[in-house]
Amino acid sequence: MYKIILFSLMFLFLFLKPAMADAETIKILSIGNSFSQDIQTEIEEIANSAGVDVVVGNLYRSGESLEGHWKQAAGSRKSYQYQKKLIFNGEWKIEDRERVSLKDGLVDEEWDYITLQQTSGKSGIYRTYNPYLGKLMNYIGSYVKNPDATLTLHMTWAYSNHSTNKFFPHYGRNQSTMYRAIVAASQKAMTNHGISTVLPTGTAIQNARSHALLNDFDDELTADGHHLGVLGDYIGGLVLFETFIAEAHGKDLFKDVTYKPEEITEEQAYLAKLAAKEAVKKPFHVTEIEYLEQ
């Protein structure tokens, strides 16, 4: 009898353990604004199509900067809208709460990854990161429930060349100038604050803009000159998936992610995946995807 029980336990360990590990849920929290909201628009469909369970949260304040996030934290203000998507076994649940504090969001889950970003118009101006990025990192470290959580800098994207955003003149109303400034500020922030992981949405969008079939969608992938449109949202979700989820679950962006928005073609979906994958491989350099073959 003892041998039968022992054999049964060994069977469970050998054959069920891989399945349990494969079902591990990745938990990602973004502290941001509408730009972090953009990249989470399609994540439940993307993850679900690849058979992956995730929890994705967004602490949202419209247009909020790093300075503003620090003021909310320091004042313990319940000033955030908290949006959370939970995807399990092919089904998802969406929660949306108001009057939530930064601390409330941090302790809500044992987050694996936490992203921070500067507001888009200041994302290429390094002096605006200090001292608020460092203060926020210390604050997060005081309340995060998972001691192994990875703090990540979300590198946002440059505006459309037609953008009327009030911050665009700082970059000479030039998209390439803005992108280069965002890269430089992001790299400096990461070096000076010991951040090793970047979410390179800005580079993925710039990669996509190198191909006419993608760049011609909406206003250079934006809906209004700065927020992402349908295809841009999809690319942002693919970057989120490739950066945090794909490797942990042994998933291939091209083979396993089968979802695409109805508004885009199969070719555009393929090129979007290429733009995202190349950005994760080379986060601070534009890849001319028009000349790449997969």
Protein backbone atom coordinates (compact mmCIF):
# COMPACT_ATOMS: atom_id res chain seq x y z
CA MET A 1 0.00 0.00 0.00
CA TYR A 2 2.83 2.33 0.91
CA LYS A 3 4.53 1.69 -2.44
CA ILE A 4 1.32 2.44 -4.32
CA ILE A 5 0.93 5.77 -2.53
CA LEU A 6 4.59 6.63 -3.12
CA PHE A 7 4.31 5.79 -6.81
CA SER A 8 1.18 7.94 -7.07
CA LEU A 9 2.96 10.89 -5.48
CA MET A 10 5.92 10.47 -7.83
CA PHE A 11 3.54 10.38 -10.79
CA LEU A 12 1.88 13.60 -9.67
CA PHE A 13 5.23 15.31 -9.16
CA LEU A 14 6.74 14.24 -12.47
CA PHE A 15 3.74 14.74 -14.70
CA LEU A 16 1.67 17.46 -13.08
CA LYS A 17 4.47 19.78 -11.97
CA PRO A 18 5.30 20.94 -15.55
CA ALA A 19 1.64 21.66 -16.17
CA MET A 20 1.42 23.66 -12.95
CA ALA A 21 4.56 25.61 -13.84
CA ASP A 22 3.22 26.30 -17.31
CA ALA A 23 0.06 27.72 -15.76
CA GLU A 24 2.04 30.28 -13.75
CA THR A 25 0.30 33.63 -13.87
CA ILE A 26 2.37 36.72 -14.71
CA LYS A 27 1.23 39.84 -12.86
CA ILE A 28 2.02 43.27 -14.31
CA LEU A 29 1.20 46.68 -12.81
CA SER A 30 1.60 49.95 -14.68
CA ILE A 31 1.74 53.27 -12.87
CA GLY A 32 0.96 55.77 -15.59
CA ASN A 33 -1.69 57.58 -17.54
CA SER A 34 -3.47 57.22 -20.87
CA PHE A 35 -0.24 55.95 -22.47
CA SER A 36 -0.10 52.96 -20.12
CA GLN A 37 -3.83 52.58 -20.75
CA ASP A 38 -3.15 52.42 -24.51
CA ILE A 39 -0.73 49.51 -24.32
CA GLN A 40 -3.12 47.47 -22.17
CA THR A 41 -6.09 47.85 -24.54
CA GLU A 42 -5.48 44.57 -26.37
CA ILE A 43 -3.52 42.53 -23.83
CA GLU A 44 -6.39 40.28 -22.71
CA GLU A 45 -7.08 39.19 -26.30
CA ILE A 46 -3.38 38.74 -27.07
CA ALA A 47 -2.69 36.69 -23.93
CA ASN A 48 -5.86 34.65 -24.28
CA SER A 49 -5.07 33.70 -27.87
CA ALA A 50 -1.69 32.36 -26.70
CA GLY A 51 -3.29 30.39 -23.85
CA VAL A 52 -1.62 32.45 -21.12
CA ASP A 53 -3.03 33.52 -17.76
CA VAL A 54 -2.13 37.07 -16.71
CA VAL A 55 -3.17 39.81 -14.32
CA VAL A 56 -2.61 43.30 -15.69
CA GLY A 57 -3.26 46.41 -13.60
CA ASN A 58 -3.09 50.09 -14.44
CA LEU A 59 -3.03 52.91 -11.88
CA TYR A 60 -4.30 55.70 -14.09
CA ARG A 61 -4.28 59.48 -13.82
CA SER A 62 -4.82 61.44 -17.00
CA GLY A 63 -1.60 63.09 -18.20
CA GLU A 64 0.15 62.39 -14.91
CA SER A 65 3.91 62.98 -14.68
CA LEU A 66 6.49 61.36 -12.41
CA GLU A 67 6.33 64.48 -10.25
CA GLY A 68 2.56 64.14 -10.01
CA HIS A 69 2.74 60.44 -9.16
CA TRP A 70 5.16 61.23 -6.36
CA LYS A 71 2.84 63.92 -4.96
CA GLN A 72 -0.06 61.45 -4.98
CA ALA A 73 2.07 58.88 -3.16
CA ALA A 74 3.53 61.30 -0.61
CA GLY A 75 0.07 62.62 0.20
CA SER A 76 -1.53 59.15 0.35
CA ARG A 77 -4.17 60.48 -2.01
CA LYS A 78 -6.89 58.19 -3.29
CA SER A 79 -6.82 59.86 -6.67
CA TYR A 80 -6.32 57.01 -9.13
CA GLN A 81 -8.60 55.07 -11.37
CA TYR A 82 -7.53 51.44 -11.02
CA GLN A 83 -8.17 49.21 -14.00
CA LYS A 84 -7.37 45.51 -13.69
CA LYS A 85 -7.74 42.65 -16.17
CA LEU A 86 -7.56 39.04 -15.01
CA ILE A 87 -7.24 36.36 -17.69
CA PHE A 88 -7.62 32.71 -16.59
CA ASN A 89 -8.25 29.59 -18.66
CA GLY A 90 -9.58 31.44 -21.66
CA GLU A 91 -11.85 33.80 -19.78
CA TRP A 92 -11.22 37.23 -18.37
CA LYS A 93 -12.62 39.57 -15.82
CA ILE A 94 -12.24 43.34 -15.91
CA GLU A 95 -12.34 45.45 -12.76
CA ASP A 96 -12.52 49.24 -12.75
CA ARG A 97 -12.35 51.14 -9.47
CA GLU A 98 -12.08 54.83 -8.63
CA ARG A 99 -10.57 56.67 -5.66
CA VAL A 100 -7.67 54.26 -5.24
CA SER A 101 -4.27 55.23 -3.83
CA LEU A 102 -0.91 54.21 -5.22
CA LYS A 103 -0.38 52.06 -2.14
CA ASP A 104 -3.76 50.37 -2.64
CA GLY A 105 -2.71 49.26 -6.10
CA LEU A 106 0.73 48.13 -5.02
CA VAL A 107 -0.58 45.82 -2.29
CA ASP A 108 -3.53 44.50 -4.31
CA GLU A 109 -1.46 41.71 -5.93
CA GLU A 110 1.98 40.15 -5.71
CA TRP A 111 3.13 41.91 -8.84
CA ASP A 112 5.97 40.38 -10.90
CA TYR A 113 6.60 43.55 -12.92
CA ILE A 114 5.87 47.20 -12.15
CA THR A 115 6.27 49.83 -14.84
CA LEU A 116 6.84 53.55 -14.38
CA GLN A 117 6.78 56.19 -17.10
CA GLN A 118 7.17 59.88 -17.54
CA THR A 119 4.27 61.80 -19.06
CA SER A 120 4.68 61.78 -22.83
CA GLY A 121 5.52 65.43 -23.41
CA LYS A 122 8.32 65.35 -20.80
CA SER A 123 9.56 61.85 -21.60
CA GLY A 124 12.48 63.22 -23.62
CA ILE A 125 13.48 65.81 -20.98
CA TYR A 126 15.70 64.05 -18.45
CA ARG A 127 15.69 66.80 -15.83
CA THR A 128 11.94 66.22 -15.31
CA TYR A 129 12.63 62.67 -14.07
CA ASN A 130 14.47 63.89 -10.97
CA PRO A 131 14.16 63.53 -8.06
CA TYR A 132 10.75 61.94 -8.55
CA LEU A 133 11.77 58.67 -10.20
CA GLY A 134 14.09 57.80 -7.33
CA LYS A 135 11.49 58.76 -4.72
CA LEU A 136 8.85 56.63 -6.42
CA MET A 137 11.21 53.67 -6.60
CA ASN A 138 11.83 53.88 -2.86
CA TYR A 139 8.11 54.21 -2.18
CA ILE A 140 7.30 51.18 -4.34
CA GLY A 141 10.00 49.18 -2.58
CA SER A 142 8.37 49.94 0.77
CA TYR A 143 4.99 48.47 -0.15
CA VAL A 144 5.41 45.91 -2.92
CA LYS A 145 4.40 42.44 -1.69
CA ASN A 146 6.70 40.48 -4.00
CA PRO A 147 10.35 41.13 -3.02
CA ASP A 148 11.46 39.82 -6.43
CA ALA A 149 9.28 42.20 -8.43
CA THR A 150 11.09 43.83 -11.36
CA LEU A 151 10.78 47.59 -11.72
CA THR A 152 10.65 48.54 -15.38
CA LEU A 153 10.86 51.87 -17.20
CA HIS A 154 8.15 52.24 -19.82
CA MET A 155 9.69 54.11 -22.75
CA THR A 156 6.83 55.92 -24.47
CA TRP A 157 6.55 56.90 -28.14
CA ALA A 158 7.10 60.04 -30.17
CA TYR A 159 4.14 61.95 -31.53
CA SER A 160 2.85 61.96 -35.09
CA ASN A 161 4.55 64.57 -37.26
CA HIS A 162 1.14 66.23 -37.53
CA SER A 163 0.58 66.41 -33.77
CA THR A 164 -0.77 69.61 -32.25
CA ASN A 165 0.17 68.55 -28.71
CA LYS A 166 1.39 71.52 -26.67
CA PHE A 167 4.67 69.76 -25.81
CA PHE A 168 5.62 68.96 -29.41
CA PRO A 169 7.31 72.33 -30.09
CA HIS A 170 9.94 71.42 -27.48
CA TYR A 171 11.13 68.81 -29.97
CA GLY A 172 10.97 71.14 -32.96
CA ARG A 173 7.74 69.46 -34.05
CA ASN A 174 9.90 66.63 -35.34
CA GLN A 175 9.07 63.02 -34.60
CA SER A 176 12.62 61.69 -35.02
CA THR A 177 13.98 64.40 -32.72
CA MET A 178 11.42 63.49 -30.08
CA TYR A 179 12.14 59.78 -30.37
CA ARG A 180 15.89 60.30 -29.97
CA ALA A 181 15.29 62.52 -26.94
CA ILE A 182 13.07 59.86 -25.34
CA VAL A 183 15.73 57.20 -25.90
CA ALA A 184 18.49 59.39 -24.44
CA ALA A 185 16.44 60.35 -21.36
CA SER A 186 15.34 56.74 -20.80
CA GLN A 187 18.86 55.38 -21.01
CA LYS A 188 20.15 58.02 -18.62
CA ALA A 189 17.31 57.37 -16.15
CA MET A 190 17.94 53.64 -16.23
CA THR A 191 21.68 54.04 -15.72
CA ASN A 192 21.40 56.58 -12.92
CA HIS A 193 18.68 54.69 -11.06
CA GLY A 194 19.84 51.12 -11.57
CA ILE A 195 16.87 50.05 -13.70
CA SER A 196 17.78 47.07 -15.87
CA THR A 197 14.50 46.39 -17.71
CA VAL A 198 12.78 48.60 -20.25
CA LEU A 199 9.39 48.31 -21.93
CA PRO A 200 10.33 49.67 -25.38
CA THR A 201 6.95 50.70 -26.77
CA GLY A 202 8.44 53.87 -28.24
CA THR A 203 10.94 51.91 -30.31
CA ALA A 204 8.32 49.41 -31.46
CA ILE A 205 6.12 52.25 -32.72
CA GLN A 206 9.10 53.87 -34.43
CA ASN A 207 10.03 50.53 -36.00
CA ALA A 208 6.49 50.20 -37.32
CA ARG A 209 6.64 53.70 -38.77
CA SER A 210 9.53 52.57 -40.97
CA HIS A 211 7.03 50.53 -43.03
CA ALA A 212 4.46 52.40 -45.13
CA LEU A 213 1.82 49.69 -44.67
CA LEU A 214 1.84 50.40 -40.93
CA ASN A 215 2.74 54.09 -40.86
CA ASP A 216 -0.21 54.93 -43.12
CA PHE A 217 -2.65 53.46 -40.60
CA ASP A 218 -4.48 56.25 -38.73
CA ASP A 219 -2.23 59.28 -38.22
CA GLU A 220 1.17 57.58 -38.16
CA LEU A 221 -0.28 54.93 -35.80
CA THR A 222 -1.92 57.54 -33.55
CA ALA A 223 -5.60 58.37 -33.18
CA ASP A 224 -5.06 62.05 -32.41
CA GLY A 225 -1.37 62.78 -32.96
CA HIS A 226 -0.22 61.33 -29.63
CA HIS A 227 -2.50 58.57 -28.28
CA LEU A 228 -2.21 55.29 -30.15
CA GLY A 229 -4.84 54.15 -32.63
CA VAL A 230 -6.09 50.59 -33.18
CA LEU A 231 -2.92 49.24 -34.78
CA GLY A 232 -0.73 51.17 -32.36
CA ASP A 233 -2.62 49.70 -29.40
CA TYR A 234 -2.03 46.24 -30.84
CA ILE A 235 1.71 46.88 -31.17
CA GLY A 236 1.81 48.16 -27.60
CA GLY A 237 0.11 44.99 -26.37
CA LEU A 238 2.54 42.84 -28.34
CA VAL A 239 5.48 44.63 -26.69
CA LEU A 240 3.93 44.02 -23.28
CA PHE A 241 3.51 40.34 -24.13
CA GLU A 242 6.98 39.88 -25.61
CA THR A 243 8.75 41.73 -22.78
CA PHE A 244 7.10 40.13 -19.77
CA ILE A 245 5.11 37.07 -20.78
CA ALA A 246 6.50 35.21 -23.81
CA GLU A 247 9.75 33.92 -22.34
CA ALA A 248 8.21 32.99 -18.98
CA HIS A 249 5.63 30.83 -20.73
CA GLY A 250 7.81 29.59 -23.60
CA LYS A 251 5.59 31.32 -26.15
CA ASP A 252 6.50 32.49 -29.64
CA LEU A 253 5.03 35.83 -30.65
CA PHE A 254 4.51 34.73 -34.25
CA LYS A 255 3.23 31.19 -33.72
CA ASP A 256 1.29 31.43 -30.48
CA VAL A 257 -0.37 34.86 -30.61
CA THR A 258 -3.21 34.30 -33.05
CA TYR A 259 -5.34 37.34 -32.18
CA LYS A 260 -5.47 40.49 -34.27
CA PRO A 261 -8.02 43.33 -34.29
CA GLU A 262 -10.60 43.02 -37.08
CA GLU A 263 -9.54 46.37 -38.51
CA ILE A 264 -6.06 45.19 -39.52
CA THR A 265 -4.94 42.69 -42.14
CA GLU A 266 -2.90 39.52 -41.61
CA GLU A 267 0.10 41.22 -43.22
CA GLN A 268 -0.18 44.21 -40.91
CA ALA A 269 -0.45 41.87 -37.91
CA TYR A 270 2.71 40.06 -39.00
CA LEU A 271 4.61 43.33 -39.47
CA ALA A 272 3.33 44.59 -36.10
CA LYS A 273 4.76 41.48 -34.42
CA LEU A 274 8.04 42.04 -36.22
CA ALA A 275 8.18 45.66 -35.04
CA ALA A 276 7.50 44.59 -31.44
CA LYS A 277 9.96 41.70 -31.41
CA GLU A 278 12.78 43.78 -32.88
CA ALA A 279 12.14 46.51 -30.31
CA VAL A 280 12.50 44.06 -27.44
CA LYS A 281 15.73 42.76 -29.00
CA LYS A 282 17.11 46.26 -29.65
CA PRO A 283 15.16 48.65 -27.42
CA PHE A 284 17.15 51.82 -28.15
CA HIS A 285 17.61 51.52 -31.91
CA VAL A 286 15.15 51.78 -34.78
CA THR A 287 14.95 48.71 -36.99
CA GLU A 288 13.87 49.34 -40.57
CA ILE A 289 11.40 46.47 -40.73
CA GLU A 290 10.60 47.11 -44.40
CA TYR A 291 13.91 45.40 -45.18
CA LEU A 292 13.62 42.52 -42.70
CA GLU A 293 12.45 39.00 -43.41
CA GLN A 294 11.28 36.63 -40.72
